[in-house]
Amino acid sequence: MVRCPRCGEDNQDDAANCRRCSQALRGGETGFNKLRNDLNAQSLWLLRLVAYIVDTAIVAVVGLLLALLAYVPLMLGSALSGQWNWRGAWQIPFLIGAGQVIYFTVMESVQGAS
């Protein structure tokens, strides 16, 4: 017996369609097999991965440059006075992460992709 994926009706083993709802019991490739064999879908995900890596690098470089501009006075003050003035230096990774979230949100809403 073959069970219908739509209505759950038990059908004969050689049936092509469900006798209750006419759902095709044996069709073409679906789900993971279709995605695995579709080269267009594979190339799309590869391009999206490359775009994500490039975008992350751009945001990280811009974030680091902005962080350096913000912390240059602290570095100079620490070097000249000998005191530790870097109280907010731990925030740099969080600020870069926030920049990435903002960047990807804006790019997705404006262009539909980054």
PDB file of N, CA and C in Angstrom:
ATOM      1  N   MET A   1       0.829  -1.185   0.000  1.00  0.00           N
ATOM      2  CA  MET A   1       0.000   0.000   0.000  1.00  0.00           C
ATOM      3  C   MET A   1       0.879   1.256   0.000  1.00  0.00           C
ATOM      4  N   VAL A   2       0.461   2.216  -0.783  1.00  0.00           N
ATOM      5  CA  VAL A   2       1.149   3.501  -0.857  1.00  0.00           C
ATOM      6  C   VAL A   2       0.236   4.538  -0.222  1.00  0.00           C
ATOM      7  N   ARG A   3       0.770   5.279   0.740  1.00  0.00           N
ATOM      8  CA  ARG A   3      -0.021   6.295   1.435  1.00  0.00           C
ATOM      9  C   ARG A   3       0.103   7.633   0.705  1.00  0.00           C
ATOM     10  N   CYS A   4      -1.026   8.305   0.537  1.00  0.00           N
ATOM     11  CA  CYS A   4      -1.056   9.610  -0.128  1.00  0.00           C
ATOM     12  C   CYS A   4      -0.444  10.663   0.791  1.00  0.00           C
ATOM     13  N   PRO A   5       0.491  11.481   0.282  1.00  0.00           N
ATOM     14  CA  PRO A   5       1.110  12.509   1.131  1.00  0.00           C
ATOM     15  C   PRO A   5       0.157  13.651   1.473  1.00  0.00           C
ATOM     16  N   ARG A   6      -0.905  13.839   0.688  1.00  0.00           N
ATOM     17  CA  ARG A   6      -1.836  14.944   0.935  1.00  0.00           C
ATOM     18  C   ARG A   6      -2.952  14.551   1.915  1.00  0.00           C
ATOM     19  N   CYS A   7      -3.657  13.461   1.621  1.00  0.00           N
ATOM     20  CA  CYS A   7      -4.836  13.126   2.431  1.00  0.00           C
ATOM     21  C   CYS A   7      -4.637  11.915   3.334  1.00  0.00           C
ATOM     22  N   GLY A   8      -3.583  11.126   3.105  1.00  0.00           N
ATOM     23  CA  GLY A   8      -3.313   9.972   3.952  1.00  0.00           C
ATOM     24  C   GLY A   8      -4.026   8.698   3.533  1.00  0.00           C
ATOM     25  N   GLU A   9      -4.727   8.706   2.430  1.00  0.00           N
ATOM     26  CA  GLU A   9      -5.464   7.532   1.933  1.00  0.00           C
ATOM     27  C   GLU A   9      -4.483   6.441   1.508  1.00  0.00           C
ATOM     28  N   ASP A  10      -4.815   5.190   1.840  1.00  0.00           N
ATOM     29  CA  ASP A  10      -4.016   4.054   1.384  1.00  0.00           C
ATOM     30  C   ASP A  10      -4.442   3.684  -0.028  1.00  0.00           C
ATOM     31  N   ASN A  11      -3.476   3.566  -0.928  1.00  0.00           N
ATOM     32  CA  ASN A  11      -3.729   3.256  -2.334  1.00  0.00           C
ATOM     33  C   ASN A  11      -2.974   1.995  -2.714  1.00  0.00           C
ATOM     34  N   GLN A  12      -3.329   1.426  -3.858  1.00  0.00           N
ATOM     35  CA  GLN A  12      -2.639   0.246  -4.363  1.00  0.00           C
ATOM     36  C   GLN A  12      -1.178   0.593  -4.667  1.00  0.00           C
ATOM     37  N   ASP A  13      -0.324  -0.409  -4.637  1.00  0.00           N
ATOM     38  CA  ASP A  13       1.104  -0.184  -4.871  1.00  0.00           C
ATOM     39  C   ASP A  13       1.394   0.337  -6.271  1.00  0.00           C
ATOM     40  N   ASP A  14       0.599  -0.038  -7.251  1.00  0.00           N
ATOM     41  CA  ASP A  14       0.862   0.380  -8.623  1.00  0.00           C
ATOM     42  C   ASP A  14       0.075   1.632  -9.028  1.00  0.00           C
ATOM     43  N   ALA A  15      -0.622   2.256  -8.095  1.00  0.00           N
ATOM     44  CA  ALA A  15      -1.440   3.440  -8.409  1.00  0.00           C
ATOM     45  C   ALA A  15      -0.544   4.647  -8.682  1.00  0.00           C
ATOM     46  N   ALA A  16      -0.915   5.415  -9.712  1.00  0.00           N
ATOM     47  CA  ALA A  16      -0.166   6.628 -10.047  1.00  0.00           C
ATOM     48  C   ALA A  16      -0.717   7.840  -9.310  1.00  0.00           C
ATOM     49  N   ASN A  17      -2.047   7.835  -9.060  1.00  0.00           N
ATOM     50  CA  ASN A  17      -2.704   8.945  -8.371  1.00  0.00           C
ATOM     51  C   ASN A  17      -3.534   8.409  -7.212  1.00  0.00           C
ATOM     52  N   CYS A  18      -3.773   9.257  -6.251  1.00  0.00           N
ATOM     53  CA  CYS A  18      -4.604   8.897  -5.107  1.00  0.00           C
ATOM     54  C   CYS A  18      -6.050   8.751  -5.570  1.00  0.00           C
ATOM     55  N   ARG A  19      -6.725   7.701  -5.103  1.00  0.00           N
ATOM     56  CA  ARG A  19      -8.115   7.478  -5.525  1.00  0.00           C
ATOM     57  C   ARG A  19      -9.077   8.431  -4.828  1.00  0.00           C
ATOM     58  N   ARG A  20      -8.625   9.093  -3.790  1.00  0.00           N
ATOM     59  CA  ARG A  20      -9.501   9.999  -3.045  1.00  0.00           C
ATOM     60  C   ARG A  20      -9.351  11.455  -3.471  1.00  0.00           C
ATOM     61  N   CYS A  21      -8.087  11.925  -3.588  1.00  0.00           N
ATOM     62  CA  CYS A  21      -7.870  13.356  -3.875  1.00  0.00           C
ATOM     63  C   CYS A  21      -7.129  13.599  -5.187  1.00  0.00           C
ATOM     64  N   SER A  22      -6.755  12.581  -5.894  1.00  0.00           N
ATOM     65  CA  SER A  22      -6.064  12.653  -7.192  1.00  0.00           C
ATOM     66  C   SER A  22      -4.651  13.219  -7.111  1.00  0.00           C
ATOM     67  N   GLN A  23      -4.057  13.228  -5.948  1.00  0.00           N
ATOM     68  CA  GLN A  23      -2.671  13.659  -5.779  1.00  0.00           C
ATOM     69  C   GLN A  23      -1.753  12.645  -6.456  1.00  0.00           C
ATOM     70  N   ALA A  24      -0.741  13.136  -7.177  1.00  0.00           N
ATOM     71  CA  ALA A  24       0.227  12.235  -7.808  1.00  0.00           C
ATOM     72  C   ALA A  24       1.026  11.535  -6.718  1.00  0.00           C
ATOM     73  N   LEU A  25       1.063  10.204  -6.797  1.00  0.00           N
ATOM     74  CA  LEU A  25       1.779   9.426  -5.791  1.00  0.00           C
ATOM     75  C   LEU A  25       3.238   9.236  -6.154  1.00  0.00           C
ATOM     76  N   ARG A  26       3.511   9.223  -7.435  1.00  0.00           N
ATOM     77  CA  ARG A  26       4.891   9.112  -7.885  1.00  0.00           C
ATOM     78  C   ARG A  26       5.126  10.238  -8.873  1.00  0.00           C
ATOM     79  N   GLY A  27       5.997  11.133  -8.509  1.00  0.00           N
ATOM     80  CA  GLY A  27       6.243  12.266  -9.389  1.00  0.00           C
ATOM     81  C   GLY A  27       7.717  12.411  -9.676  1.00  0.00           C
ATOM     82  N   GLY A  28       8.065  13.577 -10.125  1.00  0.00           N
ATOM     83  CA  GLY A  28       9.468  13.873 -10.394  1.00  0.00           C
ATOM     84  C   GLY A  28      10.229  14.076  -9.096  1.00  0.00           C
ATOM     85  N   GLU A  29      11.426  14.524  -9.240  1.00  0.00           N
ATOM     86  CA  GLU A  29      12.257  14.758  -8.074  1.00  0.00           C
ATOM     87  C   GLU A  29      11.691  15.911  -7.246  1.00  0.00           C
ATOM     88  N   THR A  30      11.733  15.729  -5.965  1.00  0.00           N
ATOM     89  CA  THR A  30      11.284  16.791  -5.066  1.00  0.00           C
ATOM     90  C   THR A  30      12.266  16.929  -3.923  1.00  0.00           C
ATOM     91  N   GLY A  31      12.178  18.040  -3.227  1.00  0.00           N
ATOM     92  CA  GLY A  31      12.947  18.239  -2.016  1.00  0.00           C
ATOM     93  C   GLY A  31      14.444  18.280  -2.230  1.00  0.00           C
ATOM     94  N   PHE A  32      15.151  17.569  -1.361  1.00  0.00           N
ATOM     95  CA  PHE A  32      16.604  17.613  -1.341  1.00  0.00           C
ATOM     96  C   PHE A  32      17.213  17.077  -2.632  1.00  0.00           C
ATOM     97  N   ASN A  33      16.642  16.002  -3.183  1.00  0.00           N
ATOM     98  CA  ASN A  33      17.201  15.430  -4.415  1.00  0.00           C
ATOM     99  C   ASN A  33      17.154  16.424  -5.562  1.00  0.00           C
ATOM    100  N   LYS A  34      16.063  17.170  -5.655  1.00  0.00           N
ATOM    101  CA  LYS A  34      15.946  18.164  -6.721  1.00  0.00           C
ATOM    102  C   LYS A  34      16.974  19.272  -6.534  1.00  0.00           C
ATOM    103  N   LEU A  35      17.149  19.752  -5.307  1.00  0.00           N
ATOM    104  CA  LEU A  35      18.139  20.801  -5.049  1.00  0.00           C
ATOM    105  C   LEU A  35      19.563  20.308  -5.286  1.00  0.00           C
ATOM    106  N   ARG A  36      19.815  19.059  -4.911  1.00  0.00           N
ATOM    107  CA  ARG A  36      21.156  18.501  -5.071  1.00  0.00           C
ATOM    108  C   ARG A  36      21.538  18.378  -6.537  1.00  0.00           C
ATOM    109  N   ASN A  37      20.580  18.052  -7.390  1.00  0.00           N
ATOM    110  CA  ASN A  37      20.867  17.841  -8.805  1.00  0.00           C
ATOM    111  C   ASN A  37      20.716  19.092  -9.658  1.00  0.00           C
ATOM    112  N   ASP A  38      20.169  20.170  -9.116  1.00  0.00           N
ATOM    113  CA  ASP A  38      19.942  21.402  -9.874  1.00  0.00           C
ATOM    114  C   ASP A  38      21.192  22.281  -9.802  1.00  0.00           C
ATOM    115  N   LEU A  39      21.906  22.386 -10.917  1.00  0.00           N
ATOM    116  CA  LEU A  39      23.149  23.162 -10.931  1.00  0.00           C
ATOM    117  C   LEU A  39      22.898  24.654 -10.770  1.00  0.00           C
ATOM    118  N   ASN A  40      21.753  25.150 -11.229  1.00  0.00           N
ATOM    119  CA  ASN A  40      21.444  26.571 -11.055  1.00  0.00           C
ATOM    120  C   ASN A  40      21.288  26.922  -9.584  1.00  0.00           C
ATOM    121  N   ALA A  41      20.636  26.057  -8.824  1.00  0.00           N
ATOM    122  CA  ALA A  41      20.484  26.304  -7.389  1.00  0.00           C
ATOM    123  C   ALA A  41      21.841  26.241  -6.694  1.00  0.00           C
ATOM    124  N   GLN A  42      22.686  25.314  -7.116  1.00  0.00           N
ATOM    125  CA  GLN A  42      24.014  25.201  -6.515  1.00  0.00           C
ATOM    126  C   GLN A  42      24.849  26.448  -6.780  1.00  0.00           C
ATOM    127  N   SER A  43      24.820  26.945  -8.017  1.00  0.00           N
ATOM    128  CA  SER A  43      25.619  28.127  -8.339  1.00  0.00           C
ATOM    129  C   SER A  43      25.072  29.360  -7.637  1.00  0.00           C
ATOM    130  N   LEU A  44      23.752  29.429  -7.441  1.00  0.00           N
ATOM    131  CA  LEU A  44      23.167  30.557  -6.714  1.00  0.00           C
ATOM    132  C   LEU A  44      23.699  30.619  -5.290  1.00  0.00           C
ATOM    133  N   TRP A  45      23.722  29.477  -4.601  1.00  0.00           N
ATOM    134  CA  TRP A  45      24.207  29.475  -3.221  1.00  0.00           C
ATOM    135  C   TRP A  45      25.700  29.765  -3.153  1.00  0.00           C
ATOM    136  N   LEU A  46      26.452  29.317  -4.138  1.00  0.00           N
ATOM    137  CA  LEU A  46      27.878  29.623  -4.162  1.00  0.00           C
ATOM    138  C   LEU A  46      28.097  31.122  -4.349  1.00  0.00           C
ATOM    139  N   LEU A  47      27.339  31.741  -5.255  1.00  0.00           N
ATOM    140  CA  LEU A  47      27.444  33.192  -5.449  1.00  0.00           C
ATOM    141  C   LEU A  47      27.022  33.950  -4.198  1.00  0.00           C
ATOM    142  N   ARG A  48      25.987  33.487  -3.507  1.00  0.00           N
ATOM    143  CA  ARG A  48      25.537  34.143  -2.278  1.00  0.00           C
ATOM    144  C   ARG A  48      26.613  34.035  -1.197  1.00  0.00           C
ATOM    145  N   LEU A  49      27.293  32.900  -1.119  1.00  0.00           N
ATOM    146  CA  LEU A  49      28.358  32.732  -0.137  1.00  0.00           C
ATOM    147  C   LEU A  49      29.512  33.679  -0.427  1.00  0.00           C
ATOM    148  N   VAL A  50      29.908  33.782  -1.684  1.00  0.00           N
ATOM    149  CA  VAL A  50      30.986  34.701  -2.068  1.00  0.00           C
ATOM    150  C   VAL A  50      30.577  36.144  -1.772  1.00  0.00           C
ATOM    151  N   ALA A  51      29.326  36.503  -2.091  1.00  0.00           N
ATOM    152  CA  ALA A  51      28.845  37.862  -1.815  1.00  0.00           C
ATOM    153  C   ALA A  51      28.850  38.144  -0.318  1.00  0.00           C
ATOM    154  N   TYR A  52      28.471  37.169   0.495  1.00  0.00           N
ATOM    155  CA  TYR A  52      28.475  37.352   1.948  1.00  0.00           C
ATOM    156  C   TYR A  52      29.893  37.578   2.464  1.00  0.00           C
ATOM    157  N   ILE A  53      30.844  36.808   1.968  1.00  0.00           N
ATOM    158  CA  ILE A  53      32.234  36.961   2.409  1.00  0.00           C
ATOM    159  C   ILE A  53      32.777  38.326   2.005  1.00  0.00           C
ATOM    160  N   VAL A  54      32.509  38.749   0.773  1.00  0.00           N
ATOM    161  CA  VAL A  54      32.977  40.060   0.305  1.00  0.00           C
ATOM    162  C   VAL A  54      32.329  41.180   1.115  1.00  0.00           C
ATOM    163  N   ASP A  55      31.020  41.093   1.325  1.00  0.00           N
ATOM    164  CA  ASP A  55      30.327  42.127   2.097  1.00  0.00           C
ATOM    165  C   ASP A  55      30.826  42.189   3.535  1.00  0.00           C
ATOM    166  N   THR A  56      31.071  41.037   4.135  1.00  0.00           N
ATOM    167  CA  THR A  56      31.587  41.011   5.500  1.00  0.00           C
ATOM    168  C   THR A  56      32.967  41.646   5.563  1.00  0.00           C
ATOM    169  N   ALA A  57      33.803  41.376   4.582  1.00  0.00           N
ATOM    170  CA  ALA A  57      35.135  41.986   4.555  1.00  0.00           C
ATOM    171  C   ALA A  57      35.038  43.500   4.397  1.00  0.00           C
ATOM    172  N   ILE A  58      34.142  43.971   3.539  1.00  0.00           N
ATOM    173  CA  ILE A  58      33.980  45.420   3.346  1.00  0.00           C
ATOM    174  C   ILE A  58      33.529  46.086   4.638  1.00  0.00           C
ATOM    175  N   VAL A  59      32.518  45.516   5.282  1.00  0.00           N
ATOM    176  CA  VAL A  59      32.006  46.104   6.525  1.00  0.00           C
ATOM    177  C   VAL A  59      33.067  46.050   7.620  1.00  0.00           C
ATOM    178  N   ALA A  60      33.827  44.966   7.696  1.00  0.00           N
ATOM    179  CA  ALA A  60      34.864  44.853   8.719  1.00  0.00           C
ATOM    180  C   ALA A  60      35.968  45.885   8.507  1.00  0.00           C
ATOM    181  N   VAL A  61      36.391  46.082   7.272  1.00  0.00           N
ATOM    182  CA  VAL A  61      37.444  47.069   6.999  1.00  0.00           C
ATOM    183  C   VAL A  61      36.958  48.474   7.329  1.00  0.00           C
ATOM    184  N   VAL A  62      35.743  48.803   6.899  1.00  0.00           N
ATOM    185  CA  VAL A  62      35.198  50.133   7.208  1.00  0.00           C
ATOM    186  C   VAL A  62      35.039  50.298   8.714  1.00  0.00           C
ATOM    187  N   GLY A  63      34.550  49.268   9.390  1.00  0.00           N
ATOM    188  CA  GLY A  63      34.393  49.334  10.843  1.00  0.00           C
ATOM    189  C   GLY A  63      35.719  49.496  11.560  1.00  0.00           C
ATOM    190  N   LEU A  64      36.740  48.785  11.112  1.00  0.00           N
ATOM    191  CA  LEU A  64      38.057  48.926  11.741  1.00  0.00           C
ATOM    192  C   LEU A  64      38.649  50.309  11.500  1.00  0.00           C
ATOM    193  N   LEU A  65      38.458  50.845  10.301  1.00  0.00           N
ATOM    194  CA  LEU A  65      38.953  52.201  10.036  1.00  0.00           C
ATOM    195  C   LEU A  65      38.249  53.227  10.919  1.00  0.00           C
ATOM    196  N   LEU A  66      36.940  53.098  11.060  1.00  0.00           N
ATOM    197  CA  LEU A  66      36.211  54.012  11.939  1.00  0.00           C
ATOM    198  C   LEU A  66      36.628  53.832  13.397  1.00  0.00           C
ATOM    199  N   ALA A  67      36.862  52.589  13.806  1.00  0.00           N
ATOM    200  CA  ALA A  67      37.309  52.343  15.176  1.00  0.00           C
ATOM    201  C   ALA A  67      38.689  52.941  15.414  1.00  0.00           C
ATOM    202  N   LEU A  68      39.574  52.817  14.433  1.00  0.00           N
ATOM    203  CA  LEU A  68      40.901  53.418  14.588  1.00  0.00           C
ATOM    204  C   LEU A  68      40.812  54.934  14.696  1.00  0.00           C
ATOM    205  N   LEU A  69      39.953  55.544  13.888  1.00  0.00           N
ATOM    206  CA  LEU A  69      39.782  56.991  13.984  1.00  0.00           C
ATOM    207  C   LEU A  69      39.222  57.400  15.340  1.00  0.00           C
ATOM    208  N   ALA A  70      38.350  56.586  15.881  1.00  0.00           N
ATOM    209  CA  ALA A  70      37.757  56.915  17.174  1.00  0.00           C
ATOM    210  C   ALA A  70      38.741  56.699  18.318  1.00  0.00           C
ATOM    211  N   TYR A  71      39.639  55.731  18.186  1.00  0.00           N
ATOM    212  CA  TYR A  71      40.522  55.388  19.292  1.00  0.00           C
ATOM    213  C   TYR A  71      41.939  55.938  19.161  1.00  0.00           C
ATOM    214  N   VAL A  72      42.239  56.655  18.086  1.00  0.00           N
ATOM    215  CA  VAL A  72      43.570  57.271  17.962  1.00  0.00           C
ATOM    216  C   VAL A  72      43.844  58.223  19.127  1.00  0.00           C
ATOM    217  N   PRO A  73      42.905  59.089  19.508  1.00  0.00           N
ATOM    218  CA  PRO A  73      43.182  59.941  20.670  1.00  0.00           C
ATOM    219  C   PRO A  73      43.450  59.134  21.940  1.00  0.00           C
ATOM    220  N   LEU A  74      42.756  58.026  22.109  1.00  0.00           N
ATOM    221  CA  LEU A  74      43.003  57.194  23.287  1.00  0.00           C
ATOM    222  C   LEU A  74      44.389  56.560  23.231  1.00  0.00           C
ATOM    223  N   MET A  75      44.794  56.117  22.042  1.00  0.00           N
ATOM    224  CA  MET A  75      46.121  55.512  21.918  1.00  0.00           C
ATOM    225  C   MET A  75      47.210  56.540  22.192  1.00  0.00           C
ATOM    226  N   LEU A  76      47.048  57.739  21.635  1.00  0.00           N
ATOM    227  CA  LEU A  76      48.044  58.787  21.872  1.00  0.00           C
ATOM    228  C   LEU A  76      48.070  59.199  23.336  1.00  0.00           C
ATOM    229  N   GLY A  77      46.895  59.334  23.931  1.00  0.00           N
ATOM    230  CA  GLY A  77      46.835  59.702  25.349  1.00  0.00           C
ATOM    231  C   GLY A  77      47.462  58.644  26.232  1.00  0.00           C
ATOM    232  N   SER A  78      47.250  57.378  25.915  1.00  0.00           N
ATOM    233  CA  SER A  78      47.847  56.300  26.700  1.00  0.00           C
ATOM    234  C   SER A  78      49.359  56.281  26.540  1.00  0.00           C
ATOM    235  N   ALA A  79      49.832  56.542  25.333  1.00  0.00           N
ATOM    236  CA  ALA A  79      51.278  56.526  25.095  1.00  0.00           C
ATOM    237  C   ALA A  79      51.964  57.683  25.806  1.00  0.00           C
ATOM    238  N   LEU A  80      51.338  58.837  25.811  1.00  0.00           N
ATOM    239  CA  LEU A  80      51.968  60.011  26.413  1.00  0.00           C
ATOM    240  C   LEU A  80      51.839  60.041  27.926  1.00  0.00           C
ATOM    241  N   SER A  81      50.721  59.593  28.469  1.00  0.00           N
ATOM    242  CA  SER A  81      50.523  59.697  29.916  1.00  0.00           C
ATOM    243  C   SER A  81      50.896  58.428  30.652  1.00  0.00           C
ATOM    244  N   GLY A  82      50.963  57.317  29.954  1.00  0.00           N
ATOM    245  CA  GLY A  82      51.301  56.063  30.609  1.00  0.00           C
ATOM    246  C   GLY A  82      50.127  55.439  31.347  1.00  0.00           C
ATOM    247  N   GLN A  83      48.938  55.963  31.185  1.00  0.00           N
ATOM    248  CA  GLN A  83      47.760  55.403  31.848  1.00  0.00           C
ATOM    249  C   GLN A  83      46.896  54.670  30.825  1.00  0.00           C
ATOM    250  N   TRP A  84      46.159  53.710  31.333  1.00  0.00           N
ATOM    251  CA  TRP A  84      45.270  52.938  30.468  1.00  0.00           C
ATOM    252  C   TRP A  84      43.969  53.701  30.278  1.00  0.00           C
ATOM    253  N   ASN A  85      43.732  54.198  29.066  1.00  0.00           N
ATOM    254  CA  ASN A  85      42.533  54.971  28.776  1.00  0.00           C
ATOM    255  C   ASN A  85      41.619  54.264  27.779  1.00  0.00           C
ATOM    256  N   TRP A  86      41.735  52.975  27.656  1.00  0.00           N
ATOM    257  CA  TRP A  86      40.997  52.234  26.634  1.00  0.00           C
ATOM    258  C   TRP A  86      39.756  51.566  27.213  1.00  0.00           C
ATOM    259  N   ARG A  87      39.005  52.242  27.981  1.00  0.00           N
ATOM    260  CA  ARG A  87      37.853  51.630  28.648  1.00  0.00           C
ATOM    261  C   ARG A  87      36.834  51.066  27.656  1.00  0.00           C
ATOM    262  N   GLY A  88      36.679  51.682  26.515  1.00  0.00           N
ATOM    263  CA  GLY A  88      35.670  51.235  25.558  1.00  0.00           C
ATOM    264  C   GLY A  88      36.218  50.405  24.414  1.00  0.00           C
ATOM    265  N   ALA A  89      37.485  50.000  24.468  1.00  0.00           N
ATOM    266  CA  ALA A  89      38.095  49.269  23.351  1.00  0.00           C
ATOM    267  C   ALA A  89      37.439  47.911  23.123  1.00  0.00           C
ATOM    268  N   TRP A  90      36.875  47.316  24.147  1.00  0.00           N
ATOM    269  CA  TRP A  90      36.223  46.013  23.996  1.00  0.00           C
ATOM    270  C   TRP A  90      34.965  46.106  23.135  1.00  0.00           C
ATOM    271  N   GLN A  91      34.480  47.304  22.881  1.00  0.00           N
ATOM    272  CA  GLN A  91      33.255  47.485  22.105  1.00  0.00           C
ATOM    273  C   GLN A  91      33.481  47.370  20.596  1.00  0.00           C
ATOM    274  N   ILE A  92      34.721  47.406  20.147  1.00  0.00           N
ATOM    275  CA  ILE A  92      35.005  47.413  18.707  1.00  0.00           C
ATOM    276  C   ILE A  92      34.371  46.220  17.987  1.00  0.00           C
ATOM    277  N   PRO A  93      34.556  44.973  18.451  1.00  0.00           N
ATOM    278  CA  PRO A  93      33.916  43.858  17.730  1.00  0.00           C
ATOM    279  C   PRO A  93      32.394  43.955  17.710  1.00  0.00           C
ATOM    280  N   PHE A  94      31.812  44.436  18.805  1.00  0.00           N
ATOM    281  CA  PHE A  94      30.357  44.567  18.850  1.00  0.00           C
ATOM    282  C   PHE A  94      29.869  45.645  17.897  1.00  0.00           C
ATOM    283  N   LEU A  95      30.615  46.725  17.784  1.00  0.00           N
ATOM    284  CA  LEU A  95      30.232  47.792  16.865  1.00  0.00           C
ATOM    285  C   LEU A  95      30.349  47.332  15.410  1.00  0.00           C
ATOM    286  N   ILE A  96      31.380  46.553  15.100  1.00  0.00           N
ATOM    287  CA  ILE A  96      31.516  46.012  13.743  1.00  0.00           C
ATOM    288  C   ILE A  96      30.367  45.048  13.450  1.00  0.00           C
ATOM    289  N   GLY A  97      30.002  44.219  14.423  1.00  0.00           N
ATOM    290  CA  GLY A  97      28.863  43.315  14.246  1.00  0.00           C
ATOM    291  C   GLY A  97      27.562  44.070  14.038  1.00  0.00           C
ATOM    292  N   ALA A  98      27.363  45.143  14.800  1.00  0.00           N
ATOM    293  CA  ALA A  98      26.163  45.964  14.617  1.00  0.00           C
ATOM    294  C   ALA A  98      26.173  46.612  13.233  1.00  0.00           C
ATOM    295  N   GLY A  99      27.344  47.025  12.776  1.00  0.00           N
ATOM    296  CA  GLY A  99      27.457  47.585  11.430  1.00  0.00           C
ATOM    297  C   GLY A  99      27.088  46.565  10.369  1.00  0.00           C
ATOM    298  N   GLN A 100      27.486  45.304  10.573  1.00  0.00           N
ATOM    299  CA  GLN A 100      27.133  44.262   9.613  1.00  0.00           C
ATOM    300  C   GLN A 100      25.629  44.014   9.594  1.00  0.00           C
ATOM    301  N   VAL A 101      25.014  43.981  10.759  1.00  0.00           N
ATOM    302  CA  VAL A 101      23.565  43.775  10.810  1.00  0.00           C
ATOM    303  C   VAL A 101      22.843  44.906  10.091  1.00  0.00           C
ATOM    304  N   ILE A 102      23.254  46.137  10.343  1.00  0.00           N
ATOM    305  CA  ILE A 102      22.629  47.290   9.689  1.00  0.00           C
ATOM    306  C   ILE A 102      22.864  47.231   8.181  1.00  0.00           C
ATOM    307  N   TYR A 103      24.094  46.936   7.771  1.00  0.00           N
ATOM    308  CA  TYR A 103      24.426  46.867   6.347  1.00  0.00           C
ATOM    309  C   TYR A 103      23.575  45.824   5.627  1.00  0.00           C
ATOM    310  N   PHE A 104      23.536  44.603   6.171  1.00  0.00           N
ATOM    311  CA  PHE A 104      22.791  43.539   5.509  1.00  0.00           C
ATOM    312  C   PHE A 104      21.288  43.812   5.518  1.00  0.00           C
ATOM    313  N   THR A 105      20.778  44.429   6.576  1.00  0.00           N
ATOM    314  CA  THR A 105      19.355  44.767   6.625  1.00  0.00           C
ATOM    315  C   THR A 105      19.003  45.794   5.561  1.00  0.00           C
ATOM    316  N   VAL A 106      19.820  46.825   5.437  1.00  0.00           N
ATOM    317  CA  VAL A 106      19.568  47.861   4.432  1.00  0.00           C
ATOM    318  C   VAL A 106      19.685  47.278   3.029  1.00  0.00           C
ATOM    319  N   MET A 107      20.710  46.481   2.773  1.00  0.00           N
ATOM    320  CA  MET A 107      20.896  45.918   1.438  1.00  0.00           C
ATOM    321  C   MET A 107      19.756  44.962   1.066  1.00  0.00           C
ATOM    322  N   GLU A 108      19.286  44.164   2.018  1.00  0.00           N
ATOM    323  CA  GLU A 108      18.178  43.253   1.732  1.00  0.00           C
ATOM    324  C   GLU A 108      16.891  44.017   1.454  1.00  0.00           C
ATOM    325  N   SER A 109      16.657  45.101   2.202  1.00  0.00           N
ATOM    326  CA  SER A 109      15.407  45.835   1.998  1.00  0.00           C
ATOM    327  C   SER A 109      15.448  46.698   0.739  1.00  0.00           C
ATOM    328  N   VAL A 110      16.609  47.216   0.370  1.00  0.00           N
ATOM    329  CA  VAL A 110      16.701  48.094  -0.797  1.00  0.00           C
ATOM    330  C   VAL A 110      16.844  47.290  -2.088  1.00  0.00           C
ATOM    331  N   GLN A 111      17.782  46.344  -2.105  1.00  0.00           N
ATOM    332  CA  GLN A 111      18.084  45.626  -3.344  1.00  0.00           C
ATOM    333  C   GLN A 111      17.566  44.195  -3.374  1.00  0.00           C
ATOM    334  N   GLY A 112      17.153  43.683  -2.242  1.00  0.00           N
ATOM    335  CA  GLY A 112      16.711  42.291  -2.194  1.00  0.00           C
ATOM    336  C   GLY A 112      17.862  41.317  -2.044  1.00  0.00           C
ATOM    337  N   ALA A 113      19.083  41.816  -2.005  1.00  0.00           N
ATOM    338  CA  ALA A 113      20.276  40.988  -1.822  1.00  0.00           C
ATOM    339  C   ALA A 113      21.423  41.907  -1.449  1.00  0.00           C
ATOM    340  N   SER A 114      22.454  41.320  -0.893  1.00  0.00           N
ATOM    341  CA  SER A 114      23.626  42.130  -0.541  1.00  0.00           C
ATOM    342  C   SER A 114      24.656  42.060  -1.637  1.00  0.00           C
TER     343      SER A 114
END
